[in-house]
């Protein structure tokens, strides 16, 4: 049905974007998948794509901020969804 076609198109489009291999594009796929997960849920394949594509983004975020990947994941989700998190540094 239409739902399946949309899912299939999204998977194909995201796969093409991930093939580029650059961090900003990968991060945009992660952002889009996190938002979709919150709003509508993800198919099993999309969940796997999110898990896989998140690894690179979380590793970069954790390394650049010198934090654990769990904290990086919390920051990422909070940033994407516009939430506050305990992991954010205090504002001076």
PDB file of N, CA and C in Angstrom:
ATOM      1  N   UNK A   1       0.809  -1.195   0.000  1.00  0.00           N
ATOM      2  CA  UNK A   1       0.000   0.000   0.000  1.00  0.00           C
ATOM      3  C   UNK A   1       0.851   1.256   0.000  1.00  0.00           C
ATOM      4  N   UNK A   2       0.228   2.393   0.169  1.00  0.00           N
ATOM      5  CA  UNK A   2       0.915   3.685   0.157  1.00  0.00           C
ATOM      6  C   UNK A   2       1.946   3.776   1.283  1.00  0.00           C
ATOM      7  N   UNK A   3       1.599   3.234   2.440  1.00  0.00           N
ATOM      8  CA  UNK A   3       2.528   3.269   3.581  1.00  0.00           C
ATOM      9  C   UNK A   3       3.815   2.532   3.243  1.00  0.00           C
ATOM     10  N   UNK A   4       3.695   1.365   2.627  1.00  0.00           N
ATOM     11  CA  UNK A   4       4.856   0.564   2.236  1.00  0.00           C
ATOM     12  C   UNK A   4       5.700   1.307   1.212  1.00  0.00           C
ATOM     13  N   UNK A   5       5.071   1.946   0.248  1.00  0.00           N
ATOM     14  CA  UNK A   5       5.797   2.698  -0.772  1.00  0.00           C
ATOM     15  C   UNK A   5       6.579   3.838  -0.145  1.00  0.00           C
ATOM     16  N   UNK A   6       5.954   4.572   0.771  1.00  0.00           N
ATOM     17  CA  UNK A   6       6.623   5.678   1.437  1.00  0.00           C
ATOM     18  C   UNK A   6       7.821   5.181   2.230  1.00  0.00           C
ATOM     19  N   UNK A   7       7.641   4.090   2.959  1.00  0.00           N
ATOM     20  CA  UNK A   7       8.717   3.497   3.736  1.00  0.00           C
ATOM     21  C   UNK A   7       9.859   3.087   2.805  1.00  0.00           C
ATOM     22  N   UNK A   8       9.510   2.447   1.709  1.00  0.00           N
ATOM     23  CA  UNK A   8      10.507   1.994   0.745  1.00  0.00           C
ATOM     24  C   UNK A   8      11.273   3.178   0.152  1.00  0.00           C
ATOM     25  N   UNK A   9      10.566   4.232  -0.196  1.00  0.00           N
ATOM     26  CA  UNK A   9      11.206   5.437  -0.744  1.00  0.00           C
ATOM     27  C   UNK A   9      12.137   6.084   0.273  1.00  0.00           C
ATOM     28  N   UNK A  10      11.682   6.158   1.526  1.00  0.00           N
ATOM     29  CA  UNK A  10      12.523   6.736   2.581  1.00  0.00           C
ATOM     30  C   UNK A  10      13.794   5.929   2.760  1.00  0.00           C
ATOM     31  N   UNK A  11      13.657   4.594   2.792  1.00  0.00           N
ATOM     32  CA  UNK A  11      14.831   3.730   2.962  1.00  0.00           C
ATOM     33  C   UNK A  11      15.822   3.948   1.825  1.00  0.00           C
ATOM     34  N   UNK A  12      15.316   3.990   0.602  1.00  0.00           N
ATOM     35  CA  UNK A  12      16.185   4.176  -0.559  1.00  0.00           C
ATOM     36  C   UNK A  12      16.870   5.538  -0.507  1.00  0.00           C
ATOM     37  N   UNK A  13      16.115   6.576  -0.202  1.00  0.00           N
ATOM     38  CA  UNK A  13      16.686   7.930  -0.132  1.00  0.00           C
ATOM     39  C   UNK A  13      17.737   8.023   0.967  1.00  0.00           C
ATOM     40  N   UNK A  14      17.432   7.465   2.141  1.00  0.00           N
ATOM     41  CA  UNK A  14      18.400   7.501   3.242  1.00  0.00           C
ATOM     42  C   UNK A  14      19.632   6.675   2.923  1.00  0.00           C
ATOM     43  N   UNK A  15      19.447   5.537   2.282  1.00  0.00           N
ATOM     44  CA  UNK A  15      20.592   4.702   1.889  1.00  0.00           C
ATOM     45  C   UNK A  15      21.510   5.462   0.942  1.00  0.00           C
ATOM     46  N   UNK A  16      20.915   6.166  -0.022  1.00  0.00           N
ATOM     47  CA  UNK A  16      21.706   6.964  -0.966  1.00  0.00           C
ATOM     48  C   UNK A  16      22.474   8.060  -0.236  1.00  0.00           C
ATOM     49  N   UNK A  17      21.827   8.708   0.713  1.00  0.00           N
ATOM     50  CA  UNK A  17      22.492   9.769   1.479  1.00  0.00           C
ATOM     51  C   UNK A  17      23.645   9.197   2.293  1.00  0.00           C
ATOM     52  N   UNK A  18      23.453   8.015   2.898  1.00  0.00           N
ATOM     53  CA  UNK A  18      24.502   7.418   3.722  1.00  0.00           C
ATOM     54  C   UNK A  18      25.700   6.978   2.893  1.00  0.00           C
ATOM     55  N   UNK A  19      25.461   6.626   1.636  1.00  0.00           N
ATOM     56  CA  UNK A  19      26.557   6.212   0.757  1.00  0.00           C
ATOM     57  C   UNK A  19      27.564   7.329   0.533  1.00  0.00           C
ATOM     58  N   UNK A  20      27.132   8.586   0.709  1.00  0.00           N
ATOM     59  CA  UNK A  20      28.051   9.714   0.554  1.00  0.00           C
ATOM     60  C   UNK A  20      29.178   9.644   1.582  1.00  0.00           C
ATOM     61  N   UNK A  21      28.861   9.118   2.761  1.00  0.00           N
ATOM     62  CA  UNK A  21      29.888   8.846   3.763  1.00  0.00           C
ATOM     63  C   UNK A  21      30.404  10.052   4.530  1.00  0.00           C
ATOM     64  N   UNK A  22      29.822  11.230   4.338  1.00  0.00           N
ATOM     65  CA  UNK A  22      30.328  12.365   5.097  1.00  0.00           C
ATOM     66  C   UNK A  22      29.498  12.567   6.360  1.00  0.00           C
ATOM     67  N   UNK A  23      30.128  13.106   7.378  1.00  0.00           N
ATOM     68  CA  UNK A  23      29.497  13.227   8.687  1.00  0.00           C
ATOM     69  C   UNK A  23      28.246  14.112   8.681  1.00  0.00           C
ATOM     70  N   UNK A  24      28.257  15.299   8.059  1.00  0.00           N
ATOM     71  CA  UNK A  24      27.041  16.114   8.083  1.00  0.00           C
ATOM     72  C   UNK A  24      25.830  15.416   7.449  1.00  0.00           C
ATOM     73  N   UNK A  25      26.044  14.716   6.357  1.00  0.00           N
ATOM     74  CA  UNK A  25      24.945  14.008   5.698  1.00  0.00           C
ATOM     75  C   UNK A  25      24.466  12.851   6.564  1.00  0.00           C
ATOM     76  N   UNK A  26      25.403  12.112   7.146  1.00  0.00           N
ATOM     77  CA  UNK A  26      25.043  11.012   8.042  1.00  0.00           C
ATOM     78  C   UNK A  26      24.261  11.545   9.238  1.00  0.00           C
ATOM     79  N   UNK A  27      24.722  12.661   9.797  1.00  0.00           N
ATOM     80  CA  UNK A  27      24.024  13.265  10.939  1.00  0.00           C
ATOM     81  C   UNK A  27      22.608  13.693  10.555  1.00  0.00           C
ATOM     82  N   UNK A  28      22.427  14.162   9.322  1.00  0.00           N
ATOM     83  CA  UNK A  28      21.076  14.573   8.902  1.00  0.00           C
ATOM     84  C   UNK A  28      20.155  13.366   8.770  1.00  0.00           C
ATOM     85  N   UNK A  29      20.693  12.220   8.338  1.00  0.00           N
ATOM     86  CA  UNK A  29      19.896  10.990   8.279  1.00  0.00           C
ATOM     87  C   UNK A  29      19.507  10.570   9.700  1.00  0.00           C
ATOM     88  N   UNK A  30      20.464  10.617  10.619  1.00  0.00           N
ATOM     89  CA  UNK A  30      20.195  10.269  12.014  1.00  0.00           C
ATOM     90  C   UNK A  30      19.112  11.194  12.579  1.00  0.00           C
ATOM     91  N   UNK A  31      19.252  12.487  12.336  1.00  0.00           N
ATOM     92  CA  UNK A  31      18.256  13.471  12.805  1.00  0.00           C
ATOM     93  C   UNK A  31      16.861  13.130  12.273  1.00  0.00           C
ATOM     94  N   UNK A  32      16.785  12.886  10.970  1.00  0.00           N
ATOM     95  CA  UNK A  32      15.492  12.596  10.361  1.00  0.00           C
ATOM     96  C   UNK A  32      14.875  11.311  10.913  1.00  0.00           C
ATOM     97  N   UNK A  33      15.706  10.303  11.124  1.00  0.00           N
ATOM     98  CA  UNK A  33      15.198   9.030  11.646  1.00  0.00           C
ATOM     99  C   UNK A  33      14.752   9.168  13.100  1.00  0.00           C
ATOM    100  N   UNK A  34      15.500   9.929  13.906  1.00  0.00           N
ATOM    101  CA  UNK A  34      15.099  10.141  15.305  1.00  0.00           C
ATOM    102  C   UNK A  34      13.750  10.861  15.349  1.00  0.00           C
ATOM    103  N   UNK A  35      13.600  11.890  14.529  1.00  0.00           N
ATOM    104  CA  UNK A  35      12.332  12.624  14.503  1.00  0.00           C
ATOM    105  C   UNK A  35      11.186  11.721  14.064  1.00  0.00           C
ATOM    106  N   UNK A  36      11.427  10.932  13.037  1.00  0.00           N
ATOM    107  CA  UNK A  36      10.393  10.013  12.545  1.00  0.00           C
ATOM    108  C   UNK A  36      10.032   8.988  13.620  1.00  0.00           C
ATOM    109  N   UNK A  37      11.054   8.483  14.329  1.00  0.00           N
ATOM    110  CA  UNK A  37      10.838   7.506  15.396  1.00  0.00           C
ATOM    111  C   UNK A  37       9.908   8.091  16.467  1.00  0.00           C
ATOM    112  N   UNK A  38      10.130   9.344  16.826  1.00  0.00           N
ATOM    113  CA  UNK A  38       9.309   9.991  17.843  1.00  0.00           C
ATOM    114  C   UNK A  38       7.885  10.246  17.354  1.00  0.00           C
ATOM    115  N   UNK A  39       7.746  10.631  16.083  1.00  0.00           N
ATOM    116  CA  UNK A  39       6.437  11.019  15.557  1.00  0.00           C
ATOM    117  C   UNK A  39       5.583   9.844  15.100  1.00  0.00           C
ATOM    118  N   UNK A  40       6.218   8.890  14.414  1.00  0.00           N
ATOM    119  CA  UNK A  40       5.436   7.820  13.778  1.00  0.00           C
ATOM    120  C   UNK A  40       5.955   6.414  14.060  1.00  0.00           C
ATOM    121  N   UNK A  41       7.131   6.304  14.639  1.00  0.00           N
ATOM    122  CA  UNK A  41       7.750   4.998  14.805  1.00  0.00           C
ATOM    123  C   UNK A  41       8.525   4.624  13.546  1.00  0.00           C
ATOM    124  N   UNK A  42       9.407   3.654  13.674  1.00  0.00           N
ATOM    125  CA  UNK A  42      10.241   3.208  12.557  1.00  0.00           C
ATOM    126  C   UNK A  42       9.977   1.749  12.251  1.00  0.00           C
ATOM    127  N   UNK A  43      10.169   1.398  10.994  1.00  0.00           N
ATOM    128  CA  UNK A  43      10.117  -0.013  10.610  1.00  0.00           C
ATOM    129  C   UNK A  43      11.374  -0.686  11.172  1.00  0.00           C
ATOM    130  N   UNK A  44      11.393  -2.012  11.247  1.00  0.00           N
ATOM    131  CA  UNK A  44      12.603  -2.702  11.725  1.00  0.00           C
ATOM    132  C   UNK A  44      13.850  -2.316  10.914  1.00  0.00           C
ATOM    133  N   UNK A  45      13.723  -2.181   9.608  1.00  0.00           N
ATOM    134  CA  UNK A  45      14.877  -1.801   8.787  1.00  0.00           C
ATOM    135  C   UNK A  45      15.333  -0.383   9.088  1.00  0.00           C
ATOM    136  N   UNK A  46      14.387   0.515   9.309  1.00  0.00           N
ATOM    137  CA  UNK A  46      14.748   1.885   9.651  1.00  0.00           C
ATOM    138  C   UNK A  46      15.402   1.947  11.024  1.00  0.00           C
ATOM    139  N   UNK A  47      14.929   1.136  11.968  1.00  0.00           N
ATOM    140  CA  UNK A  47      15.564   1.083  13.296  1.00  0.00           C
ATOM    141  C   UNK A  47      17.009   0.628  13.172  1.00  0.00           C
ATOM    142  N   UNK A  48      17.251  -0.373  12.341  1.00  0.00           N
ATOM    143  CA  UNK A  48      18.614  -0.865  12.120  1.00  0.00           C
ATOM    144  C   UNK A  48      19.472   0.208  11.461  1.00  0.00           C
ATOM    145  N   UNK A  49      18.895   0.933  10.498  1.00  0.00           N
ATOM    146  CA  UNK A  49      19.624   2.011   9.832  1.00  0.00           C
ATOM    147  C   UNK A  49      19.986   3.099  10.844  1.00  0.00           C
ATOM    148  N   UNK A  50      19.060   3.433  11.735  1.00  0.00           N
ATOM    149  CA  UNK A  50      19.326   4.440  12.760  1.00  0.00           C
ATOM    150  C   UNK A  50      20.452   3.985  13.669  1.00  0.00           C
ATOM    151  N   UNK A  51      20.391   2.742  14.090  1.00  0.00           N
ATOM    152  CA  UNK A  51      21.424   2.193  14.979  1.00  0.00           C
ATOM    153  C   UNK A  51      22.799   2.256  14.309  1.00  0.00           C
ATOM    154  N   UNK A  52      22.858   1.828  13.070  1.00  0.00           N
ATOM    155  CA  UNK A  52      24.123   1.794  12.332  1.00  0.00           C
ATOM    156  C   UNK A  52      24.659   3.192  12.059  1.00  0.00           C
ATOM    157  N   UNK A  53      23.799   4.068  11.558  1.00  0.00           N
ATOM    158  CA  UNK A  53      24.263   5.413  11.204  1.00  0.00           C
ATOM    159  C   UNK A  53      24.574   6.248  12.444  1.00  0.00           C
ATOM    160  N   UNK A  54      23.925   5.962  13.559  1.00  0.00           N
ATOM    161  CA  UNK A  54      24.188   6.691  14.802  1.00  0.00           C
ATOM    162  C   UNK A  54      25.594   6.434  15.330  1.00  0.00           C
ATOM    163  N   UNK A  55      26.127   5.253  15.077  1.00  0.00           N
ATOM    164  CA  UNK A  55      27.448   4.907  15.634  1.00  0.00           C
ATOM    165  C   UNK A  55      28.510   5.940  15.288  1.00  0.00           C
ATOM    166  N   UNK A  56      28.583   6.316  14.006  1.00  0.00           N
ATOM    167  CA  UNK A  56      29.586   7.283  13.562  1.00  0.00           C
ATOM    168  C   UNK A  56      29.350   8.646  14.205  1.00  0.00           C
ATOM    169  N   UNK A  57      28.123   9.097  14.198  1.00  0.00           N
ATOM    170  CA  UNK A  57      27.800  10.410  14.753  1.00  0.00           C
ATOM    171  C   UNK A  57      28.095  10.447  16.250  1.00  0.00           C
ATOM    172  N   UNK A  58      27.683   9.410  16.969  1.00  0.00           N
ATOM    173  CA  UNK A  58      27.909   9.369  18.418  1.00  0.00           C
ATOM    174  C   UNK A  58      29.390   9.282  18.754  1.00  0.00           C
ATOM    175  N   UNK A  59      30.144   8.522  17.978  1.00  0.00           N
ATOM    176  CA  UNK A  59      31.588   8.416  18.216  1.00  0.00           C
ATOM    177  C   UNK A  59      32.259   9.772  18.031  1.00  0.00           C
ATOM    178  N   UNK A  60      31.893  10.479  16.984  1.00  0.00           N
ATOM    179  CA  UNK A  60      32.459  11.810  16.723  1.00  0.00           C
ATOM    180  C   UNK A  60      32.066  12.795  17.825  1.00  0.00           C
ATOM    181  N   UNK A  61      30.806  12.769  18.211  1.00  0.00           N
ATOM    182  CA  UNK A  61      30.311  13.673  19.246  1.00  0.00           C
ATOM    183  C   UNK A  61      31.010  13.399  20.578  1.00  0.00           C
ATOM    184  N   UNK A  62      31.098  12.136  20.951  1.00  0.00           N
ATOM    185  CA  UNK A  62      31.740  11.760  22.213  1.00  0.00           C
ATOM    186  C   UNK A  62      33.213  12.174  22.218  1.00  0.00           C
ATOM    187  N   UNK A  63      33.892  11.920  21.114  1.00  0.00           N
ATOM    188  CA  UNK A  63      35.313  12.255  21.017  1.00  0.00           C
ATOM    189  C   UNK A  63      35.524  13.762  21.089  1.00  0.00           C
ATOM    190  N   UNK A  64      34.735  14.507  20.330  1.00  0.00           N
ATOM    191  CA  UNK A  64      34.936  15.953  20.276  1.00  0.00           C
ATOM    192  C   UNK A  64      34.577  16.650  21.593  1.00  0.00           C
ATOM    193  N   UNK A  65      33.626  16.093  22.339  1.00  0.00           N
ATOM    194  CA  UNK A  65      33.222  16.693  23.614  1.00  0.00           C
ATOM    195  C   UNK A  65      33.873  16.003  24.818  1.00  0.00           C
ATOM    196  N   UNK A  66      34.666  14.976  24.561  1.00  0.00           N
ATOM    197  CA  UNK A  66      35.329  14.198  25.626  1.00  0.00           C
ATOM    198  C   UNK A  66      34.306  13.685  26.646  1.00  0.00           C
ATOM    199  N   UNK A  67      33.255  13.047  26.128  1.00  0.00           N
ATOM    200  CA  UNK A  67      32.219  12.458  26.980  1.00  0.00           C
ATOM    201  C   UNK A  67      31.986  11.016  26.539  1.00  0.00           C
ATOM    202  N   UNK A  68      31.278  10.260  27.375  1.00  0.00           N
ATOM    203  CA  UNK A  68      30.944   8.879  27.033  1.00  0.00           C
ATOM    204  C   UNK A  68      29.886   8.864  25.930  1.00  0.00           C
ATOM    205  N   UNK A  69      29.842   7.772  25.161  1.00  0.00           N
ATOM    206  CA  UNK A  69      28.863   7.683  24.078  1.00  0.00           C
ATOM    207  C   UNK A  69      27.425   7.710  24.590  1.00  0.00           C
ATOM    208  N   UNK A  70      27.170   7.193  25.796  1.00  0.00           N
ATOM    209  CA  UNK A  70      25.813   7.256  26.363  1.00  0.00           C
ATOM    210  C   UNK A  70      25.383   8.708  26.554  1.00  0.00           C
ATOM    211  N   UNK A  71      26.308   9.527  27.070  1.00  0.00           N
ATOM    212  CA  UNK A  71      26.017  10.954  27.264  1.00  0.00           C
ATOM    213  C   UNK A  71      25.848  11.634  25.909  1.00  0.00           C
ATOM    214  N   UNK A  72      26.661  11.236  24.933  1.00  0.00           N
ATOM    215  CA  UNK A  72      26.560  11.797  23.584  1.00  0.00           C
ATOM    216  C   UNK A  72      25.199  11.465  22.985  1.00  0.00           C
ATOM    217  N   UNK A  73      24.725  10.247  23.211  1.00  0.00           N
ATOM    218  CA  UNK A  73      23.417   9.850  22.680  1.00  0.00           C
ATOM    219  C   UNK A  73      22.300  10.681  23.313  1.00  0.00           C
ATOM    220  N   UNK A  74      22.406  10.914  24.610  1.00  0.00           N
ATOM    221  CA  UNK A  74      21.402  11.730  25.301  1.00  0.00           C
ATOM    222  C   UNK A  74      21.412  13.157  24.744  1.00  0.00           C
ATOM    223  N   UNK A  75      22.612  13.721  24.538  1.00  0.00           N
ATOM    224  CA  UNK A  75      22.718  15.067  23.969  1.00  0.00           C
ATOM    225  C   UNK A  75      22.153  15.128  22.555  1.00  0.00           C
ATOM    226  N   UNK A  76      22.468  14.118  21.763  1.00  0.00           N
ATOM    227  CA  UNK A  76      21.993  14.080  20.380  1.00  0.00           C
ATOM    228  C   UNK A  76      20.468  14.058  20.326  1.00  0.00           C
ATOM    229  N   UNK A  77      19.873  13.147  21.083  1.00  0.00           N
ATOM    230  CA  UNK A  77      18.401  13.046  21.081  1.00  0.00           C
ATOM    231  C   UNK A  77      17.765  14.347  21.590  1.00  0.00           C
ATOM    232  N   UNK A  78      18.355  14.920  22.637  1.00  0.00           N
ATOM    233  CA  UNK A  78      17.827  16.168  23.190  1.00  0.00           C
ATOM    234  C   UNK A  78      17.922  17.291  22.157  1.00  0.00           C
ATOM    235  N   UNK A  79      19.033  17.363  21.451  1.00  0.00           N
ATOM    236  CA  UNK A  79      19.218  18.414  20.438  1.00  0.00           C
ATOM    237  C   UNK A  79      18.219  18.238  19.297  1.00  0.00           C
ATOM    238  N   UNK A  80      18.065  17.018  18.841  1.00  0.00           N
ATOM    239  CA  UNK A  80      17.159  16.748  17.717  1.00  0.00           C
ATOM    240  C   UNK A  80      15.707  17.022  18.105  1.00  0.00           C
ATOM    241  N   UNK A  81      15.345  16.657  19.314  1.00  0.00           N
ATOM    242  CA  UNK A  81      13.951  16.760  19.737  1.00  0.00           C
ATOM    243  C   UNK A  81      13.650  18.039  20.502  1.00  0.00           C
ATOM    244  N   UNK A  82      14.673  18.883  20.709  1.00  0.00           N
ATOM    245  CA  UNK A  82      14.466  20.146  21.409  1.00  0.00           C
ATOM    246  C   UNK A  82      14.187  19.972  22.888  1.00  0.00           C
ATOM    247  N   UNK A  83      14.831  18.991  23.495  1.00  0.00           N
ATOM    248  CA  UNK A  83      14.639  18.704  24.915  1.00  0.00           C
ATOM    249  C   UNK A  83      15.829  19.191  25.730  1.00  0.00           C
ATOM    250  N   UNK A  84      15.628  19.355  27.020  1.00  0.00           N
ATOM    251  CA  UNK A  84      16.757  19.646  27.906  1.00  0.00           C
ATOM    252  C   UNK A  84      17.279  18.323  28.421  1.00  0.00           C
ATOM    253  N   UNK A  85      18.568  18.316  28.761  1.00  0.00           N
ATOM    254  CA  UNK A  85      19.171  17.085  29.273  1.00  0.00           C
ATOM    255  C   UNK A  85      20.093  17.399  30.430  1.00  0.00           C
ATOM    256  N   UNK A  86      20.227  16.447  31.331  1.00  0.00           N
ATOM    257  CA  UNK A  86      21.131  16.604  32.484  1.00  0.00           C
ATOM    258  C   UNK A  86      22.588  16.613  32.025  1.00  0.00           C
ATOM    259  N   UNK A  87      22.871  16.078  30.836  1.00  0.00           N
ATOM    260  CA  UNK A  87      24.239  15.989  30.358  1.00  0.00           C
ATOM    261  C   UNK A  87      24.762  17.312  29.808  1.00  0.00           C
ATOM    262  N   UNK A  88      23.870  18.307  29.646  1.00  0.00           N
ATOM    263  CA  UNK A  88      24.318  19.593  29.099  1.00  0.00           C
ATOM    264  C   UNK A  88      25.190  20.308  30.114  1.00  0.00           C
ATOM    265  N   UNK A  89      26.260  20.954  29.647  1.00  0.00           N
ATOM    266  CA  UNK A  89      27.099  21.707  30.573  1.00  0.00           C
ATOM    267  C   UNK A  89      26.331  22.911  31.110  1.00  0.00           C
ATOM    268  N   UNK A  90      26.623  23.275  32.345  1.00  0.00           N
ATOM    269  CA  UNK A  90      25.949  24.419  32.951  1.00  0.00           C
ATOM    270  C   UNK A  90      26.360  25.703  32.243  1.00  0.00           C
ATOM    271  N   UNK A  91      25.414  26.593  32.068  1.00  0.00           N
ATOM    272  CA  UNK A  91      25.700  27.886  31.442  1.00  0.00           C
ATOM    273  C   UNK A  91      26.286  28.815  32.493  1.00  0.00           C
ATOM    274  N   UNK A  92      27.418  29.435  32.163  1.00  0.00           N
ATOM    275  CA  UNK A  92      28.075  30.334  33.129  1.00  0.00           C
ATOM    276  C   UNK A  92      27.504  31.731  33.017  1.00  0.00           C
TER     277      UNK A  92
END
